[in-house]
Amino acid sequence: MEELTEEELIDIFALAALVRDALRKSFGAEGFNYAWNEGEKYGQSVPHFHLHIVPRTPGDEGISEYEPRKFLYRPGSRELSSEAELSAIAKQIRQNIS
């Protein structure tokens, strides 16, 4: 993140607002967690910037542990999502980006 220009940061957070609104429409999210990892020792496995935007809904399991499938679009622990399920979710979010 420290290598990004001011213009790039403004653009990233403008895009984050669009994604936030689409997630709100798609999943009825009432709140969000935003995060990025910086530094290999601190969770950054690929040396680039990307922003996690996690929609939060009442009754989700929160982020006391990092397991996104427990609180993203369908609360509860479970096996990995199928490609078909992920494609359907991506399509729903794309339809709600305005």
Protein backbone atom coordinates (compact mmCIF):
# COMPACT_ATOMS: atom_id res chain seq x y z
CA MET A 1 0.00 0.00 0.00
CA GLU A 2 2.82 2.37 0.77
CA GLU A 3 3.84 2.33 -2.89
CA LEU A 4 0.43 3.49 -4.14
CA THR A 5 -0.07 7.06 -5.29
CA GLU A 6 -2.73 9.30 -3.79
CA GLU A 7 -4.73 8.99 -7.01
CA GLU A 8 -4.55 5.19 -6.87
CA LEU A 9 -5.72 5.18 -3.25
CA ILE A 10 -8.66 7.45 -4.11
CA ASP A 11 -9.61 5.14 -6.99
CA ILE A 12 -9.34 2.02 -4.81
CA PHE A 13 -11.63 3.42 -2.15
CA ALA A 14 -14.11 4.72 -4.73
CA LEU A 15 -14.24 1.19 -6.15
CA ALA A 16 -14.60 -0.18 -2.61
CA ALA A 17 -17.71 1.99 -2.18
CA LEU A 18 -19.24 0.50 -5.36
CA VAL A 19 -18.48 -3.02 -4.18
CA ARG A 20 -19.83 -2.23 -0.69
CA ASP A 21 -23.13 -1.04 -2.15
CA ALA A 22 -23.39 -4.13 -4.37
CA LEU A 23 -22.72 -6.40 -1.39
CA ARG A 24 -25.36 -4.56 0.62
CA LYS A 25 -27.90 -5.14 -2.17
CA SER A 26 -26.81 -8.75 -2.77
CA PHE A 27 -26.71 -10.00 0.80
CA GLY A 28 -28.50 -7.46 2.97
CA ALA A 29 -25.24 -6.57 4.67
CA GLU A 30 -25.54 -4.05 7.48
CA GLY A 31 -21.82 -3.59 8.10
CA PHE A 32 -18.45 -4.44 6.63
CA ASN A 33 -14.92 -5.43 7.55
CA TYR A 34 -12.18 -4.05 5.31
CA ALA A 35 -8.66 -5.48 5.40
CA TRP A 36 -5.41 -5.96 3.54
CA ASN A 37 -2.24 -7.74 4.55
CA GLU A 38 1.11 -6.01 4.29
CA GLY A 39 4.33 -7.89 4.88
CA GLU A 40 5.05 -11.58 4.40
CA LYS A 41 5.29 -12.18 8.15
CA TYR A 42 1.83 -10.66 8.53
CA GLY A 43 -0.18 -12.66 6.04
CA GLN A 44 0.79 -11.19 2.67
CA SER A 45 1.57 -14.25 0.56
CA VAL A 46 1.68 -12.46 -2.82
CA PRO A 47 3.52 -9.11 -3.05
CA HIS A 48 0.68 -6.92 -4.29
CA PHE A 49 -2.15 -4.87 -2.81
CA HIS A 50 -5.70 -6.11 -2.68
CA LEU A 51 -8.51 -5.09 -0.38
CA HIS A 52 -10.81 -7.58 1.32
CA ILE A 53 -14.37 -6.29 1.71
CA VAL A 54 -16.35 -8.60 3.97
CA PRO A 55 -20.10 -8.02 4.22
CA ARG A 56 -21.50 -8.50 7.72
CA THR A 57 -25.04 -9.45 8.63
CA PRO A 58 -26.80 -9.89 11.97
CA GLY A 59 -26.06 -13.30 13.44
CA ASP A 60 -22.98 -14.04 11.35
CA GLU A 61 -20.10 -15.69 13.13
CA GLY A 62 -17.80 -12.68 12.94
CA ILE A 63 -14.09 -12.72 12.48
CA SER A 64 -12.83 -14.15 15.74
CA GLU A 65 -11.05 -16.61 13.46
CA TYR A 66 -10.21 -16.09 9.81
CA GLU A 67 -12.60 -18.37 7.97
CA PRO A 68 -14.47 -16.20 5.43
CA ARG A 69 -16.97 -18.92 4.52
CA LYS A 70 -18.37 -18.62 8.05
CA PHE A 71 -19.59 -15.08 7.57
CA LEU A 72 -19.54 -14.05 3.91
CA TYR A 73 -22.62 -15.05 2.00
CA ARG A 74 -23.82 -18.11 3.87
CA PRO A 75 -23.00 -18.31 7.58
CA GLY A 76 -21.80 -21.56 9.09
CA SER A 77 -18.83 -23.80 8.69
CA ARG A 78 -18.85 -26.08 5.69
CA GLU A 79 -16.74 -27.54 2.95
CA LEU A 80 -15.20 -25.43 0.18
CA SER A 81 -17.65 -23.75 -2.17
CA SER A 82 -18.20 -25.28 -5.58
CA GLU A 83 -17.23 -23.37 -8.70
CA ALA A 84 -20.91 -23.23 -9.67
CA GLU A 85 -21.87 -21.65 -6.35
CA LEU A 86 -19.06 -19.11 -6.57
CA SER A 87 -20.01 -18.24 -10.16
CA ALA A 88 -23.63 -17.65 -9.11
CA ILE A 89 -22.53 -15.39 -6.26
CA ALA A 90 -20.20 -13.42 -8.54
CA LYS A 91 -23.02 -12.98 -11.06
CA GLN A 92 -25.35 -11.69 -8.33
CA ILE A 93 -22.79 -9.15 -7.15
CA ARG A 94 -22.06 -7.99 -10.72
CA GLN A 95 -25.78 -7.44 -11.30
CA ASN A 96 -25.91 -5.18 -8.24
CA ILE A 97 -22.97 -2.95 -9.17
CA SER A 98 -24.35 0.39 -10.30
